[in-house]
All heavy atoms as atom14 arrays in JSON, in Angstrom:
{
  "sequence": "LFAGPPVLWQGVLNLHGKAGYLWARAVALGVLLLVAAVAFLIAGLIGV",
  "atom14_mask": [
    [1, 1, 1, 1, 1, 1, 1, 1, 0, 0, 0, 0, 0, 0],
    [1, 1, 1, 1, 1, 1, 1, 1, 1, 1, 1, 0, 0, 0],
    [1, 1, 1, 1, 1, 0, 0, 0, 0, 0, 0, 0, 0, 0],
    [1, 1, 1, 1, 0, 0, 0, 0, 0, 0, 0, 0, 0, 0],
    [1, 1, 1, 1, 1, 1, 1, 0, 0, 0, 0, 0, 0, 0],
    [1, 1, 1, 1, 1, 1, 1, 0, 0, 0, 0, 0, 0, 0],
    [1, 1, 1, 1, 1, 1, 1, 0, 0, 0, 0, 0, 0, 0],
    [1, 1, 1, 1, 1, 1, 1, 1, 0, 0, 0, 0, 0, 0],
    [1, 1, 1, 1, 1, 1, 1, 1, 1, 1, 1, 1, 1, 1],
    [1, 1, 1, 1, 1, 1, 1, 1, 1, 0, 0, 0, 0, 0],
    [1, 1, 1, 1, 0, 0, 0, 0, 0, 0, 0, 0, 0, 0],
    [1, 1, 1, 1, 1, 1, 1, 0, 0, 0, 0, 0, 0, 0],
    [1, 1, 1, 1, 1, 1, 1, 1, 0, 0, 0, 0, 0, 0],
    [1, 1, 1, 1, 1, 1, 1, 1, 0, 0, 0, 0, 0, 0],
    [1, 1, 1, 1, 1, 1, 1, 1, 0, 0, 0, 0, 0, 0],
    [1, 1, 1, 1, 1, 1, 1, 1, 1, 1, 0, 0, 0, 0],
    [1, 1, 1, 1, 0, 0, 0, 0, 0, 0, 0, 0, 0, 0],
    [1, 1, 1, 1, 1, 1, 1, 1, 1, 0, 0, 0, 0, 0],
    [1, 1, 1, 1, 1, 0, 0, 0, 0, 0, 0, 0, 0, 0],
    [1, 1, 1, 1, 0, 0, 0, 0, 0, 0, 0, 0, 0, 0],
    [1, 1, 1, 1, 1, 1, 1, 1, 1, 1, 1, 1, 0, 0],
    [1, 1, 1, 1, 1, 1, 1, 1, 0, 0, 0, 0, 0, 0],
    [1, 1, 1, 1, 1, 1, 1, 1, 1, 1, 1, 1, 1, 1],
    [1, 1, 1, 1, 1, 0, 0, 0, 0, 0, 0, 0, 0, 0],
    [1, 1, 1, 1, 1, 1, 1, 1, 1, 1, 1, 0, 0, 0],
    [1, 1, 1, 1, 1, 0, 0, 0, 0, 0, 0, 0, 0, 0],
    [1, 1, 1, 1, 1, 1, 1, 0, 0, 0, 0, 0, 0, 0],
    [1, 1, 1, 1, 1, 0, 0, 0, 0, 0, 0, 0, 0, 0],
    [1, 1, 1, 1, 1, 1, 1, 1, 0, 0, 0, 0, 0, 0],
    [1, 1, 1, 1, 0, 0, 0, 0, 0, 0, 0, 0, 0, 0],
    [1, 1, 1, 1, 1, 1, 1, 0, 0, 0, 0, 0, 0, 0],
    [1, 1, 1, 1, 1, 1, 1, 1, 0, 0, 0, 0, 0, 0],
    [1, 1, 1, 1, 1, 1, 1, 1, 0, 0, 0, 0, 0, 0],
    [1, 1, 1, 1, 1, 1, 1, 1, 0, 0, 0, 0, 0, 0],
    [1, 1, 1, 1, 1, 1, 1, 0, 0, 0, 0, 0, 0, 0],
    [1, 1, 1, 1, 1, 0, 0, 0, 0, 0, 0, 0, 0, 0],
    [1, 1, 1, 1, 1, 0, 0, 0, 0, 0, 0, 0, 0, 0],
    [1, 1, 1, 1, 1, 1, 1, 0, 0, 0, 0, 0, 0, 0],
    [1, 1, 1, 1, 1, 0, 0, 0, 0, 0, 0, 0, 0, 0],
    [1, 1, 1, 1, 1, 1, 1, 1, 1, 1, 1, 0, 0, 0],
    [1, 1, 1, 1, 1, 1, 1, 1, 0, 0, 0, 0, 0, 0],
    [1, 1, 1, 1, 1, 1, 1, 1, 0, 0, 0, 0, 0, 0],
    [1, 1, 1, 1, 1, 0, 0, 0, 0, 0, 0, 0, 0, 0],
    [1, 1, 1, 1, 0, 0, 0, 0, 0, 0, 0, 0, 0, 0],
    [1, 1, 1, 1, 1, 1, 1, 1, 0, 0, 0, 0, 0, 0],
    [1, 1, 1, 1, 1, 1, 1, 1, 0, 0, 0, 0, 0, 0],
    [1, 1, 1, 1, 0, 0, 0, 0, 0, 0, 0, 0, 0, 0],
    [1, 1, 1, 1, 1, 1, 1, 0, 0, 0, 0, 0, 0, 0]
  ],
  "atom14_positions": [
    [[0.82, -1.2, 0.0], [0.0, 0.0, 0.0], [0.86, 1.26, 0.0], [0.49, 2.29, -0.56], [-0.92, -0.01, 1.22], [-2.08, 0.97, 1.23], [-3.01, 0.68, 0.06], [-2.83, 0.86, 2.53], [0.0, 0.0, 0.0], [0.0, 0.0, 0.0], [0.0, 0.0, 0.0], [0.0, 0.0, 0.0], [0.0, 0.0, 0.0], [0.0, 0.0, 0.0]],
    [[2.03, 1.18, 0.6], [2.96, 2.3, 0.64], [3.72, 2.45, -0.68], [3.95, 3.56, -1.15], [3.95, 2.12, 1.8], [4.94, 3.24, 1.92], [4.57, 4.47, 2.43], [6.26, 3.06, 1.52], [5.48, 5.5, 2.55], [7.18, 4.09, 1.64], [6.79, 5.31, 2.14], [0.0, 0.0, 0.0], [0.0, 0.0, 0.0], [0.0, 0.0, 0.0]],
    [[4.1, 1.34, -1.31], [4.92, 1.38, -2.53], [4.11, 1.46, -3.81], [4.62, 1.93, -4.84], [5.82, 0.15, -2.58], [0.0, 0.0, 0.0], [0.0, 0.0, 0.0], [0.0, 0.0, 0.0], [0.0, 0.0, 0.0], [0.0, 0.0, 0.0], [0.0, 0.0, 0.0], [0.0, 0.0, 0.0], [0.0, 0.0, 0.0], [0.0, 0.0, 0.0]],
    [[2.87, 1.03, -3.81], [2.07, 0.98, -5.03], [1.73, 2.33, -5.64], [1.98, 2.56, -6.84], [0.0, 0.0, 0.0], [0.0, 0.0, 0.0], [0.0, 0.0, 0.0], [0.0, 0.0, 0.0], [0.0, 0.0, 0.0], [0.0, 0.0, 0.0], [0.0, 0.0, 0.0], [0.0, 0.0, 0.0], [0.0, 0.0, 0.0], [0.0, 0.0, 0.0]],
    [[1.17, 3.27, -4.89], [0.8, 4.56, -5.48], [1.96, 5.35, -6.08], [1.81, 5.91, -7.17], [0.14, 5.31, -4.32], [-0.4, 4.24, -3.45], [0.6, 3.13, -3.54], [0.0, 0.0, 0.0], [0.0, 0.0, 0.0], [0.0, 0.0, 0.0], [0.0, 0.0, 0.0], [0.0, 0.0, 0.0], [0.0, 0.0, 0.0], [0.0, 0.0, 0.0]],
    [[3.16, 5.43, -5.43], [4.24, 6.17, -6.09], [4.68, 5.53, -7.42], [4.97, 6.24, -8.39], [5.39, 6.13, -5.08], [4.76, 5.87, -3.78], [3.55, 5.06, -4.07], [0.0, 0.0, 0.0], [0.0, 0.0, 0.0], [0.0, 0.0, 0.0], [0.0, 0.0, 0.0], [0.0, 0.0, 0.0], [0.0, 0.0, 0.0], [0.0, 0.0, 0.0]],
    [[4.72, 4.2, -7.47], [5.11, 3.54, -8.71], [4.06, 3.8, -9.79], [4.4, 4.1, -10.95], [5.31, 2.02, -8.47], [5.51, 1.28, -9.78], [6.48, 1.77, -7.54], [0.0, 0.0, 0.0], [0.0, 0.0, 0.0], [0.0, 0.0, 0.0], [0.0, 0.0, 0.0], [0.0, 0.0, 0.0], [0.0, 0.0, 0.0], [0.0, 0.0, 0.0]],
    [[2.8, 3.71, -9.43], [1.72, 3.97, -10.38], [1.76, 5.43, -10.85], [1.62, 5.71, -12.05], [0.38, 3.65, -9.73], [-0.87, 3.84, -10.57], [-0.86, 2.87, -11.74], [-2.1, 3.63, -9.72], [0.0, 0.0, 0.0], [0.0, 0.0, 0.0], [0.0, 0.0, 0.0], [0.0, 0.0, 0.0], [0.0, 0.0, 0.0], [0.0, 0.0, 0.0]],
    [[1.97, 6.36, -9.93], [2.02, 7.78, -10.28], [3.17, 8.08, -11.22], [3.01, 8.8, -12.21], [2.1, 8.59, -9.0], [2.06, 10.06, -9.22], [3.08, 10.94, -9.08], [0.94, 10.84, -9.62], [2.68, 12.2, -9.38], [1.35, 12.17, -9.72], [-0.38, 10.52, -9.92], [0.49, 13.2, -10.09], [-1.23, 11.55, -10.29], [-0.8, 12.87, -10.38]],
    [[4.36, 7.58, -10.93], [5.52, 7.79, -11.81], [5.28, 7.18, -13.18], [5.67, 7.75, -14.2], [6.78, 7.19, -11.2], [7.47, 8.05, -10.19], [7.9, 9.38, -10.77], [7.38, 10.41, -10.36], [8.83, 9.37, -11.7], [0.0, 0.0, 0.0], [0.0, 0.0, 0.0], [0.0, 0.0, 0.0], [0.0, 0.0, 0.0], [0.0, 0.0, 0.0]],
    [[4.66, 6.02, -13.23], [4.39, 5.38, -14.5], [3.41, 6.17, -15.36], [3.6, 6.31, -16.57], [0.0, 0.0, 0.0], [0.0, 0.0, 0.0], [0.0, 0.0, 0.0], [0.0, 0.0, 0.0], [0.0, 0.0, 0.0], [0.0, 0.0, 0.0], [0.0, 0.0, 0.0], [0.0, 0.0, 0.0], [0.0, 0.0, 0.0], [0.0, 0.0, 0.0]],
    [[2.37, 6.7, -14.73], [1.37, 7.47, -15.48], [1.97, 8.78, -15.98], [1.71, 9.22, -17.11], [0.11, 7.71, -14.61], [-0.81, 8.74, -15.23], [-0.61, 6.41, -14.38], [0.0, 0.0, 0.0], [0.0, 0.0, 0.0], [0.0, 0.0, 0.0], [0.0, 0.0, 0.0], [0.0, 0.0, 0.0], [0.0, 0.0, 0.0], [0.0, 0.0, 0.0]],
    [[2.79, 9.44, -15.14], [3.39, 10.71, -15.54], [4.35, 10.55, -16.72], [4.47, 11.46, -17.55], [4.11, 11.34, -14.36], [3.24, 11.94, -13.27], [4.1, 12.53, -12.17], [2.31, 12.99, -13.83], [0.0, 0.0, 0.0], [0.0, 0.0, 0.0], [0.0, 0.0, 0.0], [0.0, 0.0, 0.0], [0.0, 0.0, 0.0], [0.0, 0.0, 0.0]],
    [[5.06, 9.44, -16.8], [6.08, 9.25, -17.84], [5.63, 8.31, -18.95], [6.46, 7.79, -19.68], [7.36, 8.69, -17.2], [7.98, 9.67, -16.24], [8.02, 10.86, -16.5], [8.41, 9.17, -15.11], [0.0, 0.0, 0.0], [0.0, 0.0, 0.0], [0.0, 0.0, 0.0], [0.0, 0.0, 0.0], [0.0, 0.0, 0.0], [0.0, 0.0, 0.0]],
    [[4.34, 8.13, -19.12], [3.86, 7.17, -20.12], [4.1, 7.63, -21.55], [4.32, 6.8, -22.42], [2.36, 6.94, -19.9], [1.96, 5.5, -20.09], [1.8, 4.88, -18.72], [0.68, 5.37, -20.84], [0.0, 0.0, 0.0], [0.0, 0.0, 0.0], [0.0, 0.0, 0.0], [0.0, 0.0, 0.0], [0.0, 0.0, 0.0], [0.0, 0.0, 0.0]],
    [[4.08, 8.9, -21.8], [4.31, 9.37, -23.16], [5.82, 9.5, -23.42], [6.61, 9.66, -22.51], [3.62, 10.72, -23.37], [4.1, 11.79, -22.44], [3.77, 11.8, -21.11], [4.89, 12.86, -22.65], [4.33, 12.83, -20.53], [5.02, 13.5, -21.45], [0.0, 0.0, 0.0], [0.0, 0.0, 0.0], [0.0, 0.0, 0.0], [0.0, 0.0, 0.0]],
    [[6.21, 9.4, -24.65], [7.62, 9.54, -25.0], [8.19, 8.23, -25.51], [7.47, 7.25, -25.78], [0.0, 0.0, 0.0], [0.0, 0.0, 0.0], [0.0, 0.0, 0.0], [0.0, 0.0, 0.0], [0.0, 0.0, 0.0], [0.0, 0.0, 0.0], [0.0, 0.0, 0.0], [0.0, 0.0, 0.0], [0.0, 0.0, 0.0], [0.0, 0.0, 0.0]],
    [[9.52, 8.21, -25.66], [10.2, 7.03, -26.22], [10.17, 5.83, -25.28], [10.16, 4.7, -25.72], [11.64, 7.37, -26.56], [11.78, 8.31, -27.72], [13.23, 8.5, -28.06], [13.37, 9.41, -29.27], [14.76, 9.62, -29.64], [0.0, 0.0, 0.0], [0.0, 0.0, 0.0], [0.0, 0.0, 0.0], [0.0, 0.0, 0.0], [0.0, 0.0, 0.0]],
    [[10.22, 6.07, -24.01], [10.28, 4.97, -23.03], [8.88, 4.61, -22.52], [8.73, 4.18, -21.38], [11.19, 5.34, -21.88], [0.0, 0.0, 0.0], [0.0, 0.0, 0.0], [0.0, 0.0, 0.0], [0.0, 0.0, 0.0], [0.0, 0.0, 0.0], [0.0, 0.0, 0.0], [0.0, 0.0, 0.0], [0.0, 0.0, 0.0], [0.0, 0.0, 0.0]],
    [[7.87, 4.79, -23.35], [6.5, 4.53, -22.94], [6.25, 3.07, -22.56], [5.49, 2.79, -21.64], [0.0, 0.0, 0.0], [0.0, 0.0, 0.0], [0.0, 0.0, 0.0], [0.0, 0.0, 0.0], [0.0, 0.0, 0.0], [0.0, 0.0, 0.0], [0.0, 0.0, 0.0], [0.0, 0.0, 0.0], [0.0, 0.0, 0.0], [0.0, 0.0, 0.0]],
    [[6.92, 2.14, -23.27], [6.74, 0.72, -22.94], [7.27, 0.4, -21.54], [6.66, -0.37, -20.8], [7.44, -0.16, -23.97], [6.74, -0.2, -25.3], [7.27, 0.45, -26.41], [5.53, -0.86, -25.43], [6.61, 0.44, -27.62], [4.87, -0.88, -26.64], [5.41, -0.23, -27.73], [4.75, -0.25, -28.92], [0.0, 0.0, 0.0], [0.0, 0.0, 0.0]],
    [[8.4, 0.98, -21.19], [8.96, 0.77, -19.86], [8.02, 1.3, -18.78], [7.76, 0.64, -17.78], [10.33, 1.44, -19.74], [10.95, 1.46, -18.35], [11.37, 0.04, -17.97], [12.12, 2.41, -18.29], [0.0, 0.0, 0.0], [0.0, 0.0, 0.0], [0.0, 0.0, 0.0], [0.0, 0.0, 0.0], [0.0, 0.0, 0.0], [0.0, 0.0, 0.0]],
    [[7.47, 2.48, -19.0], [6.6, 3.08, -18.0], [5.24, 2.41, -17.97], [4.55, 2.45, -16.94], [6.5, 4.58, -18.22], [7.82, 5.23, -17.91], [8.69, 5.74, -18.81], [8.42, 5.36, -16.63], [9.8, 6.21, -18.17], [9.67, 5.98, -16.81], [8.05, 5.02, -15.34], [10.53, 6.28, -15.78], [8.91, 5.32, -14.31], [10.13, 5.93, -14.52]],
    [[4.83, 1.78, -19.07], [3.6, 0.99, -19.04], [3.78, -0.19, -18.1], [2.83, -0.58, -17.39], [3.24, 0.52, -20.44], [0.0, 0.0, 0.0], [0.0, 0.0, 0.0], [0.0, 0.0, 0.0], [0.0, 0.0, 0.0], [0.0, 0.0, 0.0], [0.0, 0.0, 0.0], [0.0, 0.0, 0.0], [0.0, 0.0, 0.0], [0.0, 0.0, 0.0]],
    [[4.97, -0.75, -18.08], [5.25, -1.83, -17.1], [5.2, -1.3, -15.67], [4.75, -2.0, -14.75], [6.6, -2.45, -17.39], [6.62, -3.24, -18.67], [7.99, -3.8, -18.93], [8.01, -4.47, -20.23], [9.1, -4.8, -20.86], [10.27, -4.56, -20.32], [9.03, -5.4, -22.03], [0.0, 0.0, 0.0], [0.0, 0.0, 0.0], [0.0, 0.0, 0.0]],
    [[5.66, -0.07, -15.47], [5.6, 0.52, -14.13], [4.15, 0.74, -13.7], [3.8, 0.53, -12.54], [6.37, 1.84, -14.1], [0.0, 0.0, 0.0], [0.0, 0.0, 0.0], [0.0, 0.0, 0.0], [0.0, 0.0, 0.0], [0.0, 0.0, 0.0], [0.0, 0.0, 0.0], [0.0, 0.0, 0.0], [0.0, 0.0, 0.0], [0.0, 0.0, 0.0]],
    [[3.3, 1.15, -14.64], [1.87, 1.31, -14.33], [1.28, -0.04, -13.94], [0.54, -0.15, -12.95], [1.12, 1.92, -15.53], [-0.38, 1.85, -15.32], [1.55, 3.35, -15.76], [0.0, 0.0, 0.0], [0.0, 0.0, 0.0], [0.0, 0.0, 0.0], [0.0, 0.0, 0.0], [0.0, 0.0, 0.0], [0.0, 0.0, 0.0], [0.0, 0.0, 0.0]],
    [[1.61, -1.07, -14.71], [1.1, -2.41, -14.39], [1.61, -2.88, -13.03], [0.86, -3.49, -12.25], [1.51, -3.4, -15.48], [0.0, 0.0, 0.0], [0.0, 0.0, 0.0], [0.0, 0.0, 0.0], [0.0, 0.0, 0.0], [0.0, 0.0, 0.0], [0.0, 0.0, 0.0], [0.0, 0.0, 0.0], [0.0, 0.0, 0.0], [0.0, 0.0, 0.0]],
    [[2.87, -2.58, -12.72], [3.42, -2.96, -11.41], [2.72, -2.22, -10.29], [2.42, -2.8, -9.24], [4.94, -2.7, -11.38], [5.63, -3.01, -10.06], [5.57, -4.5, -9.76], [7.06, -2.52, -10.1], [0.0, 0.0, 0.0], [0.0, 0.0, 0.0], [0.0, 0.0, 0.0], [0.0, 0.0, 0.0], [0.0, 0.0, 0.0], [0.0, 0.0, 0.0]],
    [[2.43, -0.94, -10.5], [1.72, -0.16, -9.48], [0.32, -0.71, -9.22], [-0.11, -0.83, -8.07], [0.0, 0.0, 0.0], [0.0, 0.0, 0.0], [0.0, 0.0, 0.0], [0.0, 0.0, 0.0], [0.0, 0.0, 0.0], [0.0, 0.0, 0.0], [0.0, 0.0, 0.0], [0.0, 0.0, 0.0], [0.0, 0.0, 0.0], [0.0, 0.0, 0.0]],
    [[-0.38, -1.06, -10.29], [-1.72, -1.64, -10.13], [-1.63, -2.99, -9.43], [-2.44, -3.31, -8.54], [-2.42, -1.77, -11.51], [-3.69, -2.59, -11.4], [-2.7, -0.4, -12.08], [0.0, 0.0, 0.0], [0.0, 0.0, 0.0], [0.0, 0.0, 0.0], [0.0, 0.0, 0.0], [0.0, 0.0, 0.0], [0.0, 0.0, 0.0], [0.0, 0.0, 0.0]],
    [[-0.64, -3.79, -9.82], [-0.45, -5.09, -9.17], [-0.14, -4.94, -7.69], [-0.65, -5.7, -6.86], [0.67, -5.86, -9.88], [0.99, -7.24, -9.34], [-0.18, -8.19, -9.64], [2.26, -7.78, -9.95], [0.0, 0.0, 0.0], [0.0, 0.0, 0.0], [0.0, 0.0, 0.0], [0.0, 0.0, 0.0], [0.0, 0.0, 0.0], [0.0, 0.0, 0.0]],
    [[0.69, -3.96, -7.34], [0.99, -3.73, -5.92], [-0.25, -3.31, -5.15], [-0.45, -3.75, -4.0], [2.09, -2.67, -5.78], [3.51, -3.12, -6.08], [4.45, -1.93, -6.08], [3.97, -4.15, -5.07], [0.0, 0.0, 0.0], [0.0, 0.0, 0.0], [0.0, 0.0, 0.0], [0.0, 0.0, 0.0], [0.0, 0.0, 0.0], [0.0, 0.0, 0.0]],
    [[-1.11, -2.51, -5.75], [-2.33, -2.1, -5.05], [-3.3, -3.27, -4.88], [-3.93, -3.41, -3.83], [-3.0, -0.95, -5.8], [-2.26, 0.39, -5.7], [-2.95, 1.44, -6.55], [-2.16, 0.84, -4.26], [0.0, 0.0, 0.0], [0.0, 0.0, 0.0], [0.0, 0.0, 0.0], [0.0, 0.0, 0.0], [0.0, 0.0, 0.0], [0.0, 0.0, 0.0]],
    [[-3.42, -4.1, -5.9], [-4.29, -5.28, -5.78], [-3.74, -6.24, -4.73], [-4.49, -6.79, -3.91], [-4.44, -5.98, -7.15], [-5.11, -7.33, -7.01], [-5.23, -5.09, -8.1], [0.0, 0.0, 0.0], [0.0, 0.0, 0.0], [0.0, 0.0, 0.0], [0.0, 0.0, 0.0], [0.0, 0.0, 0.0], [0.0, 0.0, 0.0], [0.0, 0.0, 0.0]],
    [[-2.41, -6.42, -4.73], [-1.79, -7.28, -3.71], [-1.98, -6.71, -2.32], [-2.19, -7.46, -1.35], [-0.31, -7.47, -4.03], [0.0, 0.0, 0.0], [0.0, 0.0, 0.0], [0.0, 0.0, 0.0], [0.0, 0.0, 0.0], [0.0, 0.0, 0.0], [0.0, 0.0, 0.0], [0.0, 0.0, 0.0], [0.0, 0.0, 0.0], [0.0, 0.0, 0.0]],
    [[-1.92, -5.38, -2.19], [-2.12, -4.75, -0.88], [-3.52, -5.04, -0.36], [-3.69, -5.38, 0.82], [-1.89, -3.24, -0.99], [0.0, 0.0, 0.0], [0.0, 0.0, 0.0], [0.0, 0.0, 0.0], [0.0, 0.0, 0.0], [0.0, 0.0, 0.0], [0.0, 0.0, 0.0], [0.0, 0.0, 0.0], [0.0, 0.0, 0.0], [0.0, 0.0, 0.0]],
    [[-4.52, -4.93, -1.22], [-5.89, -5.22, -0.8], [-6.02, -6.69, -0.38], [-6.6, -7.0, 0.66], [-6.89, -4.86, -1.92], [-8.27, -5.39, -1.6], [-6.92, -3.37, -2.15], [0.0, 0.0, 0.0], [0.0, 0.0, 0.0], [0.0, 0.0, 0.0], [0.0, 0.0, 0.0], [0.0, 0.0, 0.0], [0.0, 0.0, 0.0], [0.0, 0.0, 0.0]],
    [[-5.43, -7.59, -1.17], [-5.53, -9.02, -0.85], [-4.81, -9.34, 0.46], [-5.33, -10.08, 1.31], [-4.94, -9.85, -1.99], [0.0, 0.0, 0.0], [0.0, 0.0, 0.0], [0.0, 0.0, 0.0], [0.0, 0.0, 0.0], [0.0, 0.0, 0.0], [0.0, 0.0, 0.0], [0.0, 0.0, 0.0], [0.0, 0.0, 0.0], [0.0, 0.0, 0.0]],
    [[-3.61, -8.77, 0.65], [-2.86, -9.02, 1.88], [-3.58, -8.46, 3.1], [-3.61, -9.09, 4.16], [-1.46, -8.42, 1.81], [-0.49, -9.22, 0.98], [0.46, -8.58, 0.21], [-0.52, -10.6, 0.96], [1.36, -9.3, -0.55], [0.36, -11.32, 0.21], [1.31, -10.68, -0.55], [0.0, 0.0, 0.0], [0.0, 0.0, 0.0], [0.0, 0.0, 0.0]],
    [[-4.14, -7.27, 2.97], [-4.83, -6.68, 4.11], [-6.1, -7.46, 4.46], [-6.42, -7.63, 5.65], [-5.16, -5.22, 3.83], [-3.94, -4.28, 3.84], [-4.34, -2.88, 3.43], [-3.27, -4.27, 5.2], [0.0, 0.0, 0.0], [0.0, 0.0, 0.0], [0.0, 0.0, 0.0], [0.0, 0.0, 0.0], [0.0, 0.0, 0.0], [0.0, 0.0, 0.0]],
    [[-6.81, -7.94, 3.46], [-7.99, -8.78, 3.75], [-7.57, -10.07, 4.45], [-8.17, -10.47, 5.45], [-8.78, -9.06, 2.46], [-9.48, -7.79, 1.99], [-9.79, -10.18, 2.67], [-10.14, -7.92, 0.64], [0.0, 0.0, 0.0], [0.0, 0.0, 0.0], [0.0, 0.0, 0.0], [0.0, 0.0, 0.0], [0.0, 0.0, 0.0], [0.0, 0.0, 0.0]],
    [[-6.5, -10.7, 3.95], [-6.01, -11.93, 4.59], [-5.52, -11.64, 6.01], [-5.75, -12.44, 6.93], [-4.89, -12.54, 3.76], [0.0, 0.0, 0.0], [0.0, 0.0, 0.0], [0.0, 0.0, 0.0], [0.0, 0.0, 0.0], [0.0, 0.0, 0.0], [0.0, 0.0, 0.0], [0.0, 0.0, 0.0], [0.0, 0.0, 0.0], [0.0, 0.0, 0.0]],
    [[-4.88, -10.5, 6.21], [-4.42, -10.14, 7.55], [-5.55, -9.89, 8.51], [-5.51, -10.29, 9.67], [0.0, 0.0, 0.0], [0.0, 0.0, 0.0], [0.0, 0.0, 0.0], [0.0, 0.0, 0.0], [0.0, 0.0, 0.0], [0.0, 0.0, 0.0], [0.0, 0.0, 0.0], [0.0, 0.0, 0.0], [0.0, 0.0, 0.0], [0.0, 0.0, 0.0]],
    [[-6.61, -9.21, 8.04], [-7.75, -8.96, 8.91], [-8.5, -10.23, 9.25], [-8.98, -10.41, 10.37], [-8.68, -7.93, 8.26], [-8.13, -6.51, 8.17], [-9.08, -5.6, 7.42], [-7.83, -5.97, 9.54], [0.0, 0.0, 0.0], [0.0, 0.0, 0.0], [0.0, 0.0, 0.0], [0.0, 0.0, 0.0], [0.0, 0.0, 0.0], [0.0, 0.0, 0.0]],
    [[-8.58, -11.15, 8.29], [-9.18, -12.45, 8.59], [-8.34, -13.18, 9.62], [-8.86, -13.82, 10.54], [-9.34, -13.28, 7.29], [-10.43, -12.66, 6.42], [-9.67, -14.73, 7.6], [-10.54, -13.26, 5.04], [0.0, 0.0, 0.0], [0.0, 0.0, 0.0], [0.0, 0.0, 0.0], [0.0, 0.0, 0.0], [0.0, 0.0, 0.0], [0.0, 0.0, 0.0]],
    [[-7.01, -13.1, 9.49], [-6.13, -13.71, 10.47], [-6.25, -13.11, 11.85], [-6.22, -13.82, 12.86], [0.0, 0.0, 0.0], [0.0, 0.0, 0.0], [0.0, 0.0, 0.0], [0.0, 0.0, 0.0], [0.0, 0.0, 0.0], [0.0, 0.0, 0.0], [0.0, 0.0, 0.0], [0.0, 0.0, 0.0], [0.0, 0.0, 0.0], [0.0, 0.0, 0.0]],
    [[-6.4, -11.78, 11.92], [-6.58, -11.12, 13.22], [-7.88, -11.6, 13.85], [-7.93, -11.9, 15.05], [-6.56, -9.59, 13.04], [-7.08, -8.88, 14.3], [-5.17, -9.11, 12.71], [0.0, 0.0, 0.0], [0.0, 0.0, 0.0], [0.0, 0.0, 0.0], [0.0, 0.0, 0.0], [0.0, 0.0, 0.0], [0.0, 0.0, 0.0], [0.0, 0.0, 0.0]]
  ]
}
């Protein structure tokens, strides 16, 4: 949850230009981190 939004934000800001494919991967990584954060927090709350 801490690392996902900055990665997603940097990816979206730098999506245009020559390195757009690289930053598209950063956007995908940011989304994946946010989805993983939701899944981990749900599993943690169930564990608590």
